[in-house]
Amino acid sequence: MASMAPEPEEIVREVRIAASPDEVFPYFTDADKLVVWKAVRAELDARPGGVFRMDVTGRGDIACGQYVEIDPPRRVVFTWEWEDRGTATPPARSVVEVTLSPDGDGGTLLRLVHRGVPQEIRRGSAAGWAHYLARLVLAAAGHDPGPDPWATATPGDPMSEIEIEGVQ
C-alpha cells in the first residue's frame, strides 16, 4: 500500500501578468483596485501595521489582517484571517507574501506564498487563490474580469456549494 505524501503547509501560486510591477502592486494596496478582482467591499490602510478588511463575496465572507511589509513595487506581506462568525474555534491567522518581479517582456511574474493555512481549509484556500489570481491577471493587464461568479452565486446554487466552500 503506497503512502500518500503529506499536503504541503504552504500554498504557492505563480502567475504572469501583462503589466509592470508598478501597475500590479496597487491591486494589493488600493481598495478601489482590490474590489476589481478580489472583493465586493474593502477598507485598506496600506502601511506597515495598517489593517485591512474586505468582504470577499458580499455574503459575510470577511477577510481581515494587517500589513507587515510594503516595498513598492516589489513585495507586500500581510496577515490573513477569516473574521470569526461566532464559532467555538478562534479564526486562524496566516501570512501572505506577494513578490512581484519584472519578467523581461514588460510584464510581471507574481509569486504568492500563503503560510500557516489550517489543513481543514487549505484546499479551499488554494482554490480561492487560483480563482482570484486569474481575475487579477485580467484586471492588472487592463481587462475587465467581469462580475465575480463566487460573489454572485447564492446559497443553494451548486457553484456555491462546490467552489465557495473553499473561500472560507
N, C-alpha and C. Protein backbone atom coordinates (compact mmCIF):
# COMPACT_ATOMS: atom_id res chain seq x y z
N MET A 1 0.85 -1.18 0.00
CA MET A 1 0.00 0.00 0.00
C MET A 1 0.89 1.25 0.00
N ALA A 2 0.69 2.11 -0.97
CA ALA A 2 1.50 3.32 -1.08
C ALA A 2 1.01 4.37 -0.09
N SER A 3 1.97 5.05 0.51
CA SER A 3 1.56 6.11 1.43
C SER A 3 1.39 7.40 0.64
N MET A 4 0.46 8.19 1.08
CA MET A 4 0.21 9.47 0.41
C MET A 4 1.17 10.50 0.97
N ALA A 5 1.68 11.35 0.09
CA ALA A 5 2.58 12.43 0.52
C ALA A 5 1.77 13.42 1.35
N PRO A 6 2.37 13.96 2.39
CA PRO A 6 1.64 14.95 3.18
C PRO A 6 1.34 16.20 2.35
N GLU A 7 0.24 16.81 2.65
CA GLU A 7 -0.15 18.03 1.96
C GLU A 7 0.82 19.15 2.35
N PRO A 8 1.31 19.93 1.36
CA PRO A 8 2.24 21.00 1.70
C PRO A 8 1.61 22.01 2.65
N GLU A 9 2.43 22.56 3.53
CA GLU A 9 1.92 23.52 4.51
C GLU A 9 1.79 24.92 3.95
N GLU A 10 2.29 25.14 2.75
CA GLU A 10 2.20 26.44 2.11
C GLU A 10 1.36 26.32 0.84
N ILE A 11 0.67 27.37 0.53
CA ILE A 11 0.02 27.49 -0.77
C ILE A 11 0.94 28.39 -1.59
N VAL A 12 1.38 27.91 -2.73
CA VAL A 12 2.25 28.70 -3.60
C VAL A 12 1.59 28.81 -4.96
N ARG A 13 1.48 30.02 -5.45
CA ARG A 13 0.91 30.28 -6.77
C ARG A 13 1.81 31.25 -7.50
N GLU A 14 2.03 31.01 -8.79
CA GLU A 14 2.77 31.94 -9.63
C GLU A 14 1.94 32.21 -10.87
N VAL A 15 1.85 33.48 -11.25
CA VAL A 15 1.15 33.88 -12.47
C VAL A 15 1.97 34.96 -13.17
N ARG A 16 1.83 34.99 -14.48
CA ARG A 16 2.44 36.06 -15.26
C ARG A 16 1.34 37.05 -15.63
N ILE A 17 1.69 38.31 -15.50
CA ILE A 17 0.72 39.38 -15.76
C ILE A 17 1.30 40.32 -16.80
N ALA A 18 0.52 40.68 -17.81
CA ALA A 18 0.95 41.57 -18.87
C ALA A 18 0.84 43.03 -18.41
N ALA A 19 1.58 43.34 -17.37
CA ALA A 19 1.64 44.70 -16.81
C ALA A 19 2.90 44.76 -15.96
N SER A 20 3.43 45.94 -15.78
CA SER A 20 4.66 46.09 -14.99
C SER A 20 4.37 45.93 -13.49
N PRO A 21 5.40 45.62 -12.70
CA PRO A 21 5.19 45.56 -11.25
C PRO A 21 4.60 46.87 -10.69
N ASP A 22 4.98 48.02 -11.26
CA ASP A 22 4.40 49.30 -10.83
C ASP A 22 2.90 49.34 -11.03
N GLU A 23 2.42 48.69 -12.10
CA GLU A 23 0.98 48.67 -12.38
C GLU A 23 0.25 47.62 -11.55
N VAL A 24 0.92 46.52 -11.22
CA VAL A 24 0.29 45.42 -10.49
C VAL A 24 0.22 45.71 -8.99
N PHE A 25 1.26 46.28 -8.43
CA PHE A 25 1.36 46.47 -6.99
C PHE A 25 0.13 47.11 -6.34
N PRO A 26 -0.44 48.19 -6.91
CA PRO A 26 -1.59 48.82 -6.26
C PRO A 26 -2.82 47.92 -6.11
N TYR A 27 -2.87 46.82 -6.83
CA TYR A 27 -4.01 45.91 -6.68
C TYR A 27 -4.02 45.22 -5.32
N PHE A 28 -2.94 45.39 -4.56
CA PHE A 28 -2.86 44.85 -3.20
C PHE A 28 -2.94 45.95 -2.14
N THR A 29 -2.88 47.21 -2.55
CA THR A 29 -2.79 48.29 -1.56
C THR A 29 -3.84 49.38 -1.75
N ASP A 30 -4.57 49.36 -2.83
CA ASP A 30 -5.58 50.38 -3.15
C ASP A 30 -6.96 49.70 -3.15
N ALA A 31 -7.83 50.13 -2.27
CA ALA A 31 -9.15 49.48 -2.13
C ALA A 31 -9.94 49.49 -3.43
N ASP A 32 -9.87 50.59 -4.19
CA ASP A 32 -10.61 50.65 -5.46
C ASP A 32 -10.12 49.61 -6.45
N LYS A 33 -8.84 49.31 -6.42
CA LYS A 33 -8.29 48.29 -7.32
C LYS A 33 -8.55 46.88 -6.78
N LEU A 34 -8.50 46.72 -5.48
CA LEU A 34 -8.74 45.40 -4.88
C LEU A 34 -10.15 44.90 -5.19
N VAL A 35 -11.13 45.79 -5.15
CA VAL A 35 -12.51 45.35 -5.39
C VAL A 35 -12.75 44.94 -6.85
N VAL A 36 -11.86 45.29 -7.73
CA VAL A 36 -12.00 44.87 -9.13
C VAL A 36 -11.79 43.36 -9.27
N TRP A 37 -10.90 42.79 -8.44
CA TRP A 37 -10.55 41.38 -8.63
C TRP A 37 -10.81 40.48 -7.44
N LYS A 38 -10.91 41.02 -6.22
CA LYS A 38 -10.88 40.16 -5.04
C LYS A 38 -12.03 40.33 -4.06
N ALA A 39 -12.73 41.44 -4.08
CA ALA A 39 -13.71 41.69 -3.01
C ALA A 39 -14.88 42.53 -3.53
N VAL A 40 -15.97 42.45 -2.79
CA VAL A 40 -17.13 43.29 -3.07
C VAL A 40 -16.94 44.67 -2.43
N ARG A 41 -16.37 44.67 -1.21
CA ARG A 41 -16.06 45.90 -0.48
C ARG A 41 -14.73 45.71 0.23
N ALA A 42 -13.98 46.82 0.36
CA ALA A 42 -12.69 46.70 1.05
C ALA A 42 -12.32 48.03 1.70
N GLU A 43 -11.70 47.91 2.86
CA GLU A 43 -11.13 49.06 3.55
C GLU A 43 -9.67 48.69 3.82
N LEU A 44 -8.74 49.52 3.31
CA LEU A 44 -7.32 49.23 3.45
C LEU A 44 -6.59 50.42 4.04
N ASP A 45 -5.67 50.15 4.93
CA ASP A 45 -4.73 51.14 5.45
C ASP A 45 -3.35 50.58 5.11
N ALA A 46 -2.94 50.81 3.86
CA ALA A 46 -1.77 50.15 3.30
C ALA A 46 -0.47 50.78 3.75
N ARG A 47 -0.08 50.42 4.96
CA ARG A 47 1.22 50.82 5.52
C ARG A 47 1.57 49.74 6.54
N PRO A 48 2.87 49.55 6.82
CA PRO A 48 3.20 48.54 7.83
C PRO A 48 2.46 48.82 9.14
N GLY A 49 1.76 47.83 9.62
CA GLY A 49 0.95 47.98 10.82
C GLY A 49 -0.49 48.36 10.53
N GLY A 50 -0.76 48.81 9.30
CA GLY A 50 -2.12 49.18 8.92
C GLY A 50 -2.98 47.94 8.71
N VAL A 51 -4.27 48.08 8.91
CA VAL A 51 -5.17 46.94 8.81
C VAL A 51 -5.99 47.01 7.52
N PHE A 52 -6.50 45.86 7.14
CA PHE A 52 -7.44 45.79 6.02
C PHE A 52 -8.60 44.90 6.43
N ARG A 53 -9.71 45.12 5.77
CA ARG A 53 -10.91 44.31 5.97
C ARG A 53 -11.65 44.29 4.64
N MET A 54 -11.99 43.10 4.16
CA MET A 54 -12.70 43.01 2.89
C MET A 54 -13.80 41.97 2.97
N ASP A 55 -14.91 42.30 2.32
CA ASP A 55 -16.00 41.36 2.16
C ASP A 55 -15.78 40.72 0.79
N VAL A 56 -15.35 39.49 0.77
CA VAL A 56 -14.95 38.84 -0.47
C VAL A 56 -16.14 38.57 -1.37
N THR A 57 -17.25 38.06 -0.84
CA THR A 57 -18.37 37.64 -1.67
C THR A 57 -19.62 38.48 -1.53
N GLY A 58 -19.68 39.34 -0.52
CA GLY A 58 -20.91 40.09 -0.27
C GLY A 58 -21.88 39.33 0.61
N ARG A 59 -21.49 38.15 1.07
CA ARG A 59 -22.36 37.33 1.93
C ARG A 59 -21.75 37.12 3.30
N GLY A 60 -20.87 38.03 3.70
CA GLY A 60 -20.29 37.91 5.03
C GLY A 60 -19.01 37.11 5.09
N ASP A 61 -18.42 36.80 3.95
CA ASP A 61 -17.11 36.14 3.93
C ASP A 61 -16.06 37.24 4.09
N ILE A 62 -15.80 37.61 5.35
CA ILE A 62 -14.95 38.76 5.67
C ILE A 62 -13.53 38.30 5.98
N ALA A 63 -12.59 38.78 5.17
CA ALA A 63 -11.17 38.54 5.42
C ALA A 63 -10.59 39.82 5.99
N CYS A 64 -9.70 39.66 6.95
CA CYS A 64 -9.07 40.83 7.55
C CYS A 64 -7.63 40.48 7.90
N GLY A 65 -6.86 41.51 8.16
CA GLY A 65 -5.48 41.29 8.52
C GLY A 65 -4.74 42.60 8.68
N GLN A 66 -3.44 42.48 8.70
CA GLN A 66 -2.58 43.63 8.94
C GLN A 66 -1.40 43.56 7.97
N TYR A 67 -1.08 44.70 7.40
CA TYR A 67 0.11 44.77 6.54
C TYR A 67 1.35 44.66 7.41
N VAL A 68 2.27 43.79 7.02
CA VAL A 68 3.51 43.58 7.74
C VAL A 68 4.65 44.31 7.04
N GLU A 69 4.69 44.19 5.73
CA GLU A 69 5.75 44.80 4.94
C GLU A 69 5.18 45.30 3.63
N ILE A 70 5.57 46.50 3.25
CA ILE A 70 5.18 47.07 1.97
C ILE A 70 6.44 47.65 1.34
N ASP A 71 6.83 47.08 0.20
CA ASP A 71 8.04 47.50 -0.51
C ASP A 71 7.67 47.69 -1.99
N PRO A 72 7.04 48.84 -2.32
CA PRO A 72 6.59 49.05 -3.70
C PRO A 72 7.76 49.12 -4.67
N PRO A 73 7.64 48.59 -5.83
CA PRO A 73 6.57 47.72 -6.34
C PRO A 73 6.96 46.25 -6.29
N ARG A 74 7.78 45.89 -5.33
CA ARG A 74 8.35 44.54 -5.32
C ARG A 74 7.66 43.53 -4.41
N ARG A 75 7.18 43.98 -3.27
CA ARG A 75 6.75 42.98 -2.28
C ARG A 75 5.73 43.58 -1.32
N VAL A 76 4.77 42.75 -0.96
CA VAL A 76 3.82 43.11 0.09
C VAL A 76 3.57 41.84 0.91
N VAL A 77 3.59 42.00 2.23
CA VAL A 77 3.36 40.88 3.15
C VAL A 77 2.27 41.32 4.11
N PHE A 78 1.29 40.44 4.33
CA PHE A 78 0.19 40.77 5.24
C PHE A 78 -0.30 39.52 5.93
N THR A 79 -0.86 39.72 7.13
CA THR A 79 -1.52 38.61 7.81
C THR A 79 -2.89 38.44 7.19
N TRP A 80 -3.47 37.26 7.39
CA TRP A 80 -4.77 36.96 6.78
C TRP A 80 -5.55 36.08 7.74
N GLU A 81 -6.78 36.45 7.97
CA GLU A 81 -7.67 35.57 8.72
C GLU A 81 -9.09 35.84 8.29
N TRP A 82 -9.92 34.82 8.47
CA TRP A 82 -11.35 34.98 8.22
C TRP A 82 -11.97 35.46 9.51
N GLU A 83 -12.80 36.49 9.41
CA GLU A 83 -13.44 37.05 10.59
C GLU A 83 -14.29 35.99 11.26
N ASP A 84 -14.23 35.97 12.56
CA ASP A 84 -14.97 35.00 13.38
C ASP A 84 -16.46 35.17 13.16
N ARG A 85 -17.13 34.06 12.92
CA ARG A 85 -18.58 34.08 12.77
C ARG A 85 -19.27 33.44 13.97
N GLY A 86 -18.65 33.57 15.13
CA GLY A 86 -19.27 33.02 16.32
C GLY A 86 -18.98 31.55 16.52
N THR A 87 -17.93 31.03 15.88
CA THR A 87 -17.59 29.63 16.07
C THR A 87 -16.82 29.46 17.36
N ALA A 88 -16.77 28.23 17.85
CA ALA A 88 -16.07 27.96 19.11
C ALA A 88 -14.55 28.10 18.95
N THR A 89 -14.06 27.84 17.75
CA THR A 89 -12.62 27.93 17.49
C THR A 89 -12.29 29.32 16.96
N PRO A 90 -11.33 30.00 17.55
CA PRO A 90 -10.98 31.32 17.03
C PRO A 90 -10.41 31.21 15.62
N PRO A 91 -10.56 32.25 14.80
CA PRO A 91 -10.06 32.17 13.43
C PRO A 91 -8.53 32.04 13.43
N ALA A 92 -8.04 31.31 12.44
CA ALA A 92 -6.59 31.11 12.32
C ALA A 92 -5.98 32.28 11.55
N ARG A 93 -4.85 32.76 12.03
CA ARG A 93 -4.13 33.83 11.36
C ARG A 93 -2.99 33.21 10.57
N SER A 94 -2.89 33.60 9.32
CA SER A 94 -1.83 33.11 8.46
C SER A 94 -1.13 34.31 7.83
N VAL A 95 -0.11 34.05 7.02
CA VAL A 95 0.66 35.14 6.42
C VAL A 95 0.74 34.93 4.91
N VAL A 96 0.48 36.02 4.17
CA VAL A 96 0.55 36.01 2.72
C VAL A 96 1.72 36.90 2.30
N GLU A 97 2.57 36.35 1.46
CA GLU A 97 3.71 37.10 0.92
C GLU A 97 3.56 37.15 -0.60
N VAL A 98 3.53 38.36 -1.16
CA VAL A 98 3.41 38.53 -2.60
C VAL A 98 4.69 39.21 -3.09
N THR A 99 5.34 38.58 -4.07
CA THR A 99 6.55 39.13 -4.66
C THR A 99 6.29 39.39 -6.14
N LEU A 100 6.65 40.57 -6.60
CA LEU A 100 6.46 40.95 -8.00
C LEU A 100 7.84 41.16 -8.63
N SER A 101 8.09 40.46 -9.72
CA SER A 101 9.38 40.58 -10.41
C SER A 101 9.13 40.88 -11.88
N PRO A 102 9.91 41.80 -12.47
CA PRO A 102 9.78 42.02 -13.91
C PRO A 102 10.09 40.72 -14.64
N ASP A 103 9.33 40.41 -15.69
CA ASP A 103 9.55 39.14 -16.39
C ASP A 103 10.39 39.29 -17.66
N GLY A 104 10.85 40.51 -17.96
CA GLY A 104 11.70 40.71 -19.13
C GLY A 104 10.95 41.13 -20.37
N ASP A 105 9.65 40.94 -20.41
CA ASP A 105 8.83 41.33 -21.55
C ASP A 105 7.92 42.51 -21.22
N GLY A 106 8.26 43.26 -20.17
CA GLY A 106 7.41 44.36 -19.74
C GLY A 106 6.31 43.92 -18.82
N GLY A 107 6.26 42.64 -18.52
CA GLY A 107 5.24 42.10 -17.64
C GLY A 107 5.80 41.80 -16.26
N THR A 108 5.02 41.04 -15.51
CA THR A 108 5.37 40.75 -14.12
C THR A 108 5.16 39.27 -13.83
N LEU A 109 6.09 38.71 -13.09
CA LEU A 109 5.89 37.39 -12.51
C LEU A 109 5.47 37.63 -11.07
N LEU A 110 4.25 37.23 -10.74
CA LEU A 110 3.74 37.36 -9.38
C LEU A 110 3.88 36.01 -8.70
N ARG A 111 4.50 35.99 -7.54
CA ARG A 111 4.61 34.77 -6.74
C ARG A 111 3.94 35.03 -5.40
N LEU A 112 2.95 34.22 -5.08
CA LEU A 112 2.21 34.34 -3.83
C LEU A 112 2.50 33.10 -3.00
N VAL A 113 2.89 33.32 -1.75
CA VAL A 113 3.10 32.22 -0.80
C VAL A 113 2.22 32.51 0.41
N HIS A 114 1.30 31.60 0.70
CA HIS A 114 0.38 31.74 1.84
C HIS A 114 0.78 30.67 2.85
N ARG A 115 1.33 31.11 3.98
CA ARG A 115 1.84 30.20 5.00
C ARG A 115 0.89 30.15 6.21
N GLY A 116 0.83 28.97 6.82
CA GLY A 116 0.08 28.84 8.06
C GLY A 116 -1.41 28.64 7.89
N VAL A 117 -1.85 28.22 6.71
CA VAL A 117 -3.28 27.97 6.48
C VAL A 117 -3.64 26.64 7.14
N PRO A 118 -4.63 26.64 8.01
CA PRO A 118 -5.01 25.38 8.66
C PRO A 118 -5.39 24.31 7.63
N GLN A 119 -5.01 23.09 7.90
CA GLN A 119 -5.24 22.00 6.96
C GLN A 119 -6.70 21.89 6.53
N GLU A 120 -7.62 22.11 7.46
CA GLU A 120 -9.03 21.92 7.13
C GLU A 120 -9.57 22.92 6.11
N ILE A 121 -8.87 24.02 5.89
CA ILE A 121 -9.33 24.98 4.87
C ILE A 121 -8.28 25.19 3.77
N ARG A 122 -7.17 24.46 3.82
CA ARG A 122 -6.07 24.69 2.87
C ARG A 122 -6.49 24.43 1.43
N ARG A 123 -7.19 23.35 1.18
CA ARG A 123 -7.59 23.02 -0.19
C ARG A 123 -8.49 24.12 -0.75
N GLY A 124 -9.45 24.56 0.04
CA GLY A 124 -10.34 25.63 -0.41
C GLY A 124 -9.61 26.95 -0.59
N SER A 125 -8.66 27.23 0.30
CA SER A 125 -7.89 28.47 0.17
C SER A 125 -7.04 28.45 -1.09
N ALA A 126 -6.46 27.30 -1.40
CA ALA A 126 -5.66 27.17 -2.63
C ALA A 126 -6.54 27.41 -3.86
N ALA A 127 -7.74 26.85 -3.85
CA ALA A 127 -8.67 27.07 -4.96
C ALA A 127 -9.07 28.55 -5.04
N GLY A 128 -9.25 29.17 -3.87
CA GLY A 128 -9.60 30.59 -3.84
C GLY A 128 -8.51 31.46 -4.45
N TRP A 129 -7.25 31.19 -4.09
CA TRP A 129 -6.16 31.98 -4.67
C TRP A 129 -6.08 31.77 -6.17
N ALA A 130 -6.25 30.54 -6.64
CA ALA A 130 -6.21 30.28 -8.09
C ALA A 130 -7.32 31.09 -8.78
N HIS A 131 -8.51 31.06 -8.21
CA HIS A 131 -9.65 31.80 -8.78
C HIS A 131 -9.38 33.30 -8.83
N TYR A 132 -8.96 33.85 -7.71
CA TYR A 132 -8.80 35.30 -7.65
C TYR A 132 -7.56 35.80 -8.38
N LEU A 133 -6.48 35.03 -8.40
CA LEU A 133 -5.30 35.47 -9.15
C LEU A 133 -5.59 35.47 -10.66
N ALA A 134 -6.42 34.55 -11.13
CA ALA A 134 -6.82 34.58 -12.54
C ALA A 134 -7.57 35.89 -12.85
N ARG A 135 -8.37 36.35 -11.91
CA ARG A 135 -9.07 37.62 -12.09
C ARG A 135 -8.08 38.80 -12.05
N LEU A 136 -7.07 38.71 -11.18
CA LEU A 136 -6.05 39.75 -11.11
C LEU A 136 -5.26 39.85 -12.41
N VAL A 137 -4.92 38.71 -13.01
CA VAL A 137 -4.19 38.71 -14.28
C VAL A 137 -4.93 39.56 -15.30
N LEU A 138 -6.23 39.42 -15.37
CA LEU A 138 -7.04 40.22 -16.31
C LEU A 138 -7.08 41.68 -15.90
N ALA A 139 -7.41 41.93 -14.64
CA ALA A 139 -7.60 43.31 -14.17
C ALA A 139 -6.33 44.13 -14.30
N ALA A 140 -5.20 43.59 -13.86
CA ALA A 140 -3.95 44.35 -13.87
C ALA A 140 -3.46 44.61 -15.30
N ALA A 141 -3.86 43.75 -16.23
CA ALA A 141 -3.48 43.94 -17.63
C ALA A 141 -4.45 44.88 -18.36
N GLY A 142 -5.41 45.45 -17.61
CA GLY A 142 -6.32 46.42 -18.21
C GLY A 142 -7.61 45.85 -18.77
N HIS A 143 -7.90 44.60 -18.45
CA HIS A 143 -9.13 43.96 -18.92
C HIS A 143 -10.13 43.87 -17.77
N ASP A 144 -11.40 43.90 -18.10
CA ASP A 144 -12.44 43.76 -17.09
C ASP A 144 -12.65 42.28 -16.79
N PRO A 145 -12.38 41.83 -15.55
CA PRO A 145 -12.60 40.42 -15.25
C PRO A 145 -14.08 40.06 -15.14
N GLY A 146 -14.95 41.06 -15.20
CA GLY A 146 -16.38 40.81 -15.10
C GLY A 146 -16.80 40.54 -13.68
N PRO A 147 -18.09 40.30 -13.49
CA PRO A 147 -18.57 40.02 -12.14
C PRO A 147 -17.95 38.72 -11.63
N ASP A 148 -17.64 38.70 -10.35
CA ASP A 148 -17.07 37.50 -9.74
C ASP A 148 -18.19 36.47 -9.57
N PRO A 149 -18.08 35.31 -10.23
CA PRO A 149 -19.16 34.32 -10.08
C PRO A 149 -19.32 33.83 -8.66
N TRP A 150 -18.26 33.88 -7.85
CA TRP A 150 -18.39 33.47 -6.45
C TRP A 150 -19.17 34.50 -5.66
N ALA A 151 -19.09 35.74 -6.06
CA ALA A 151 -19.83 36.79 -5.35
C ALA A 151 -21.28 36.84 -5.80
N THR A 152 -21.57 36.33 -6.99
CA THR A 152 -22.94 36.39 -7.47
C THR A 152 -23.71 35.10 -7.22
N ALA A 153 -23.01 34.02 -6.83
CA ALA A 153 -23.69 32.76 -6.52
C ALA A 153 -24.50 32.94 -5.24
N THR A 154 -25.60 32.27 -5.17
CA THR A 154 -26.45 32.35 -3.98
C THR A 154 -26.39 31.02 -3.23
N PRO A 155 -26.64 31.05 -1.92
CA PRO A 155 -26.65 29.79 -1.17
C PRO A 155 -27.63 28.81 -1.81
N GLY A 156 -27.19 27.56 -1.91
CA GLY A 156 -28.00 26.54 -2.54
C GLY A 156 -27.65 26.34 -4.00
N ASP A 157 -27.03 27.33 -4.63
CA ASP A 157 -26.56 27.23 -6.00
C ASP A 157 -25.44 26.18 -6.01
N PRO A 158 -25.41 25.26 -6.99
CA PRO A 158 -24.35 24.25 -7.00
C PRO A 158 -22.95 24.86 -6.95
N MET A 159 -22.74 26.00 -7.60
CA MET A 159 -21.42 26.64 -7.54
C MET A 159 -21.12 27.08 -6.12
N SER A 160 -22.12 27.55 -5.43
CA SER A 160 -21.94 27.98 -4.05
C SER A 160 -21.46 26.82 -3.19
N GLU A 161 -22.06 25.67 -3.37
CA GLU A 161 -21.73 24.52 -2.54
C GLU A 161 -20.37 23.93 -2.89
N ILE A 162 -19.99 23.94 -4.17
CA ILE A 162 -18.75 23.30 -4.59
C ILE A 162 -17.57 24.22 -4.43
N GLU A 163 -17.65 25.40 -5.05
CA GLU A 163 -16.47 26.25 -5.10
C GLU A 163 -16.38 27.22 -3.92
N ILE A 164 -17.47 27.79 -3.51
CA ILE A 164 -17.39 28.81 -2.48
C ILE A 164 -17.05 28.21 -1.14
N GLU A 165 -17.30 26.92 -0.93
CA GLU A 165 -16.91 26.32 0.35
C GLU A 165 -15.43 26.53 0.60
N GLY A 166 -14.64 26.65 -0.45
CA GLY A 166 -13.21 26.85 -0.30
C GLY A 166 -12.82 28.27 0.00
N VAL A 167 -13.72 29.21 -0.16
CA VAL A 167 -13.38 30.60 0.10
C VAL A 167 -13.10 30.78 1.57
N GLN A 168 -13.77 30.06 2.40
CA GLN A 168 -13.53 30.22 3.83
C GLN A 168 -13.11 28.95 4.49
